[in-house]
């Protein structure tokens, strides 16, 4: 588990930054595999998901180990994850990109929401997806899936390094999710990227206005002309950015 603690200042900055900007900043640091592939919002939300990772790893289910009675065990890792994932964190599940059986359903996700958990992410699927979509908690999956997780998944490890949608996720990493998907920020880079990307978002808003006004892209994006840099500084002062 990382010793890093996500501050409210960094969380607030990341709430306003797109996953696209964060992926570009990570690419500049030669980190090319931090976007979780083939994972989508169950239902759109107006603001970003931002929280540190608490992880759950599923392995392929073996039939003699996963009868329905295993849910009677108070130490069942899936149930423990739901009760122990800290408020403000994101429960991230390695379901081996297999959505043929659900990673969780609406009752467990509702419990996470009531406990103040920021979000839940799986590279598998959720059952009761329509109900999950109506909840305020941020939820990301690959597609709906009705079969119980026991059909194909055995919840096995808690708060260990996992892969989710081909992206490495370490406990304590910072996840940011928007309408494009979810990016994983290594914990030690979270503050740095939040500060850097706040400026990127401002510049891209300026560029979009310029493009909409008919300006050509060459020399504007990236800003290779002195005129562009001067116009941007003037725009920032005018707009308080």
Protein backbone atom coordinates (compact mmCIF):
# COMPACT_ATOMS: atom_id res chain seq x y z
CA UNK A 1 0.00 0.00 0.00
CA UNK A 2 1.38 3.41 -0.97
CA UNK A 3 2.05 5.93 1.80
CA UNK A 4 0.74 8.68 -0.48
CA UNK A 5 -2.45 10.42 0.66
CA UNK A 6 -4.48 12.25 -1.98
CA UNK A 7 -5.00 15.83 -0.79
CA UNK A 8 -8.24 17.72 -1.24
CA UNK A 9 -6.36 20.30 -3.34
CA UNK A 10 -5.08 17.68 -5.78
CA UNK A 11 -8.45 15.93 -5.85
CA UNK A 12 -10.17 19.22 -6.73
CA UNK A 13 -7.71 19.86 -9.57
CA UNK A 14 -8.12 16.36 -10.99
CA UNK A 15 -11.91 16.73 -10.91
CA UNK A 16 -11.50 19.33 -13.67
CA UNK A 17 -8.86 17.57 -15.82
CA UNK A 18 -9.64 15.22 -18.71
CA UNK A 19 -8.19 11.74 -18.97
CA UNK A 20 -6.86 12.82 -22.40
CA UNK A 21 -4.70 15.54 -20.83
CA UNK A 22 -3.48 13.15 -18.15
CA UNK A 23 -2.58 10.49 -20.73
CA UNK A 24 -0.53 13.08 -22.65
CA UNK A 25 1.31 14.12 -19.49
CA UNK A 26 2.02 10.46 -18.70
CA UNK A 27 3.23 9.87 -22.26
CA UNK A 28 5.74 12.72 -21.81
CA UNK A 29 7.14 10.68 -18.91
CA UNK A 30 7.28 7.56 -21.12
CA UNK A 31 4.30 5.97 -19.34
CA UNK A 32 2.19 4.60 -22.18
CA UNK A 33 0.00 1.95 -20.60
CA UNK A 34 -1.95 3.73 -17.87
CA UNK A 35 -5.36 3.95 -19.57
CA UNK A 36 -7.69 1.07 -18.69
CA UNK A 37 -8.80 -0.47 -21.97
CA UNK A 38 -12.39 -1.32 -22.93
CA UNK A 39 -13.96 0.06 -19.76
CA UNK A 40 -16.88 2.49 -19.93
CA UNK A 41 -19.20 4.40 -17.60
CA UNK A 42 -22.28 2.42 -16.63
CA UNK A 43 -24.10 5.77 -16.81
CA UNK A 44 -22.72 9.28 -17.49
CA UNK A 45 -21.81 11.48 -14.54
CA UNK A 46 -21.32 15.26 -14.61
CA UNK A 47 -17.98 15.31 -12.80
CA UNK A 48 -14.83 13.22 -12.81
CA UNK A 49 -14.22 10.22 -10.60
CA UNK A 50 -11.06 10.81 -8.55
CA UNK A 51 -9.77 8.48 -5.85
CA UNK A 52 -6.98 6.19 -4.74
CA UNK A 53 -7.07 2.53 -5.67
CA UNK A 54 -8.16 -0.27 -3.36
CA UNK A 55 -7.81 -3.50 -5.34
CA UNK A 56 -9.54 -6.87 -5.60
CA UNK A 57 -8.12 -9.69 -7.71
CA UNK A 58 -10.26 -12.44 -9.16
CA UNK A 59 -8.82 -15.73 -10.42
CA UNK A 60 -10.65 -18.27 -12.61
CA UNK A 61 -13.24 -20.09 -10.54
CA UNK A 62 -12.78 -23.79 -9.82
CA UNK A 63 -16.17 -25.41 -9.36
CA UNK A 64 -15.40 -27.30 -6.14
CA UNK A 65 -14.25 -24.08 -4.46
CA UNK A 66 -17.09 -21.77 -5.47
CA UNK A 67 -20.54 -23.07 -4.56
CA UNK A 68 -23.14 -20.47 -3.58
CA UNK A 69 -22.48 -21.29 0.09
CA UNK A 70 -19.12 -19.45 0.03
CA UNK A 71 -21.04 -16.21 0.52
CA UNK A 72 -21.84 -17.38 4.06
CA UNK A 73 -18.16 -16.88 4.93
CA UNK A 74 -17.74 -13.43 6.57
CA UNK A 75 -14.15 -13.44 5.27
CA UNK A 76 -15.14 -13.84 1.62
CA UNK A 77 -12.76 -11.40 -0.16
CA UNK A 78 -15.43 -9.78 -2.32
CA UNK A 79 -17.59 -8.99 0.72
CA UNK A 80 -14.56 -7.85 2.73
CA UNK A 81 -13.56 -5.50 -0.11
CA UNK A 82 -16.99 -3.89 -0.05
CA UNK A 83 -16.75 -3.30 3.71
CA UNK A 84 -13.07 -2.26 3.83
CA UNK A 85 -12.55 -0.09 0.75
CA UNK A 86 -11.89 3.32 2.35
CA UNK A 87 -14.23 6.26 1.77
CA UNK A 88 -13.05 8.41 -1.12
CA UNK A 89 -11.21 5.48 -2.71
CA UNK A 90 -12.00 3.52 -5.86
CA UNK A 91 -12.51 -0.23 -5.73
CA UNK A 92 -10.65 -1.61 -8.76
CA UNK A 93 -11.22 -5.21 -9.78
CA UNK A 94 -9.06 -7.46 -11.92
CA UNK A 95 -11.63 -9.67 -13.61
CA UNK A 96 -9.20 -10.82 -16.33
CA UNK A 97 -11.19 -8.88 -18.97
CA UNK A 98 -13.88 -11.57 -18.69
CA UNK A 99 -17.43 -10.20 -18.61
CA UNK A 100 -19.16 -13.57 -19.03
CA UNK A 101 -19.93 -13.42 -15.30
CA UNK A 102 -20.52 -10.34 -13.15
CA UNK A 103 -17.83 -8.76 -10.98
CA UNK A 104 -20.50 -7.29 -8.66
CA UNK A 105 -24.14 -6.23 -8.61
CA UNK A 106 -26.30 -3.34 -7.48
CA UNK A 107 -26.56 -4.36 -3.81
CA UNK A 108 -22.79 -4.40 -3.29
CA UNK A 109 -22.31 -1.19 -5.28
CA UNK A 110 -25.07 0.48 -3.26
CA UNK A 111 -23.26 -0.51 -0.06
CA UNK A 112 -20.04 1.03 -1.40
CA UNK A 113 -21.93 4.22 -2.20
CA UNK A 114 -23.44 4.39 1.30
CA UNK A 115 -19.96 3.97 2.78
CA UNK A 116 -18.68 6.99 0.83
CA UNK A 117 -16.56 5.12 -1.71
CA UNK A 118 -15.82 7.29 -4.76
CA UNK A 119 -16.17 4.66 -7.47
CA UNK A 120 -15.88 1.09 -8.69
CA UNK A 121 -14.04 -0.15 -11.79
CA UNK A 122 -13.86 -3.60 -13.35
CA UNK A 123 -12.54 -4.90 -16.64
CA UNK A 124 -15.41 -7.40 -16.46
CA UNK A 125 -19.12 -6.65 -16.17
CA UNK A 126 -21.79 -5.73 -13.63
CA UNK A 127 -25.15 -7.36 -13.10
CA UNK A 128 -28.15 -5.10 -12.38
CA UNK A 129 -26.35 -2.53 -14.52
CA UNK A 130 -29.43 -0.35 -14.98
CA UNK A 131 -29.82 -0.05 -11.22
CA UNK A 132 -26.11 0.71 -10.76
CA UNK A 133 -26.37 3.43 -13.37
CA UNK A 134 -29.01 5.21 -11.29
CA UNK A 135 -26.70 5.43 -8.26
CA UNK A 136 -24.55 8.49 -7.58
CA UNK A 137 -21.36 6.42 -7.27
CA UNK A 138 -19.05 6.37 -10.31
CA UNK A 139 -19.12 2.93 -11.96
CA UNK A 140 -17.10 1.61 -14.91
CA UNK A 141 -17.26 -1.79 -16.60
CA UNK A 142 -16.95 -3.40 -20.03
CA UNK A 143 -20.61 -4.46 -20.40
CA UNK A 144 -23.61 -5.78 -18.43
CA UNK A 145 -23.42 -9.38 -17.28
CA UNK A 146 -26.17 -11.27 -15.44
CA UNK A 147 -24.42 -14.47 -14.16
CA UNK A 148 -23.16 -14.40 -10.57
CA UNK A 149 -19.42 -13.90 -10.20
CA UNK A 150 -19.05 -17.42 -8.79
CA UNK A 151 -19.80 -18.79 -12.26
CA UNK A 152 -16.34 -17.83 -13.51
CA UNK A 153 -14.53 -15.75 -10.86
CA UNK A 154 -13.07 -16.50 -7.46
CA UNK A 155 -12.33 -13.42 -5.37
CA UNK A 156 -8.86 -14.16 -4.08
CA UNK A 157 -6.58 -11.22 -3.19
CA UNK A 158 -7.17 -7.82 -1.60
CA UNK A 159 -5.05 -4.70 -2.01
CA UNK A 160 -2.31 -6.23 -4.12
CA UNK A 161 -0.94 -5.03 -7.48
CA UNK A 162 -3.33 -6.04 -10.26
CA UNK A 163 -3.94 -5.60 -13.97
CA UNK A 164 -7.22 -3.98 -15.00
CA UNK A 165 -7.93 -3.64 -18.69
CA UNK A 166 -4.21 -4.22 -19.37
CA UNK A 167 -3.18 -1.31 -17.12
CA UNK A 168 -1.07 -1.91 -13.99
CA UNK A 169 -2.80 -0.75 -10.81
CA UNK A 170 -0.99 -0.58 -7.48
CA UNK A 171 -2.83 0.05 -4.22
CA UNK A 172 -2.83 3.78 -3.56
CA UNK A 173 -2.48 4.80 -7.21
CA UNK A 174 -4.81 7.63 -8.19
CA UNK A 175 -7.61 6.85 -10.64
CA UNK A 176 -9.32 9.54 -12.69
CA UNK A 177 -12.40 8.68 -14.71
CA UNK A 178 -14.40 10.77 -17.15
CA UNK A 179 -16.68 10.08 -20.12
CA UNK A 180 -13.69 8.75 -22.12
CA UNK A 181 -12.70 6.17 -19.52
CA UNK A 182 -10.27 5.69 -16.62
CA UNK A 183 -6.57 6.53 -16.31
CA UNK A 184 -4.28 5.25 -13.55
CA UNK A 185 -1.76 7.77 -12.17
CA UNK A 186 1.18 6.36 -10.19
CA UNK A 187 0.79 7.80 -6.70
CA UNK A 188 4.12 9.62 -6.68
CA UNK A 189 3.12 11.59 -9.80
CA UNK A 190 -0.41 12.62 -8.81
CA UNK A 191 0.35 16.06 -7.37
CA UNK A 192 2.79 16.89 -10.17
CA UNK A 193 0.38 15.90 -12.94
CA UNK A 194 -2.55 17.69 -11.36
CA UNK A 195 -0.59 20.94 -11.37
CA UNK A 196 0.79 20.47 -14.89
CA UNK A 197 -2.48 19.39 -16.46
CA UNK A 198 -4.47 22.24 -14.97
CA UNK A 199 -2.40 24.46 -17.25
CA UNK A 200 -2.90 22.09 -20.19
CA UNK A 201 -6.66 22.28 -19.81
CA UNK A 202 -6.53 26.05 -19.82
CA UNK A 203 -4.39 26.15 -22.98
CA UNK A 204 -6.63 23.66 -24.81
CA UNK A 205 -9.71 25.75 -23.99
CA UNK A 206 -7.91 28.71 -25.56
CA UNK A 207 -6.93 26.68 -28.63
CA UNK A 208 -10.48 25.43 -29.13
CA UNK A 209 -11.78 29.00 -29.11
CA UNK A 210 -9.14 29.96 -31.67
CA UNK A 211 -10.01 27.00 -33.94
CA UNK A 212 -13.72 27.78 -33.71
CA UNK A 213 -12.92 31.35 -34.77
CA UNK A 214 -11.24 30.01 -37.92
CA UNK A 215 -7.55 30.01 -36.94
CA UNK A 216 -5.29 27.37 -38.61
CA UNK A 217 -3.76 24.72 -36.38
CA UNK A 218 -0.12 25.12 -37.52
CA UNK A 219 1.76 27.23 -35.02
CA UNK A 220 -1.24 27.17 -32.69
CA UNK A 221 -1.24 23.58 -31.46
CA UNK A 222 1.45 23.09 -30.35
CA UNK A 223 2.20 26.73 -29.68
CA UNK A 224 5.31 27.19 -31.82
CA UNK A 225 4.64 30.82 -32.72
CA UNK A 226 5.42 33.72 -30.38
CA UNK A 227 2.13 35.29 -31.45
CA UNK A 228 0.23 32.27 -30.14
CA UNK A 229 1.97 32.44 -26.76
CA UNK A 230 1.26 36.15 -26.47
CA UNK A 231 -2.40 35.67 -27.42
CA UNK A 232 -2.72 32.88 -24.86
CA UNK A 233 -1.33 35.03 -22.05
CA UNK A 234 -3.76 37.79 -22.99
CA UNK A 235 -6.62 35.24 -23.04
CA UNK A 236 -5.63 33.97 -19.59
CA UNK A 237 -5.70 37.44 -18.07
CA UNK A 238 -9.03 38.21 -19.70
CA UNK A 239 -10.60 34.93 -18.50
CA UNK A 240 -8.93 34.65 -15.11
CA UNK A 241 -7.24 31.38 -16.08
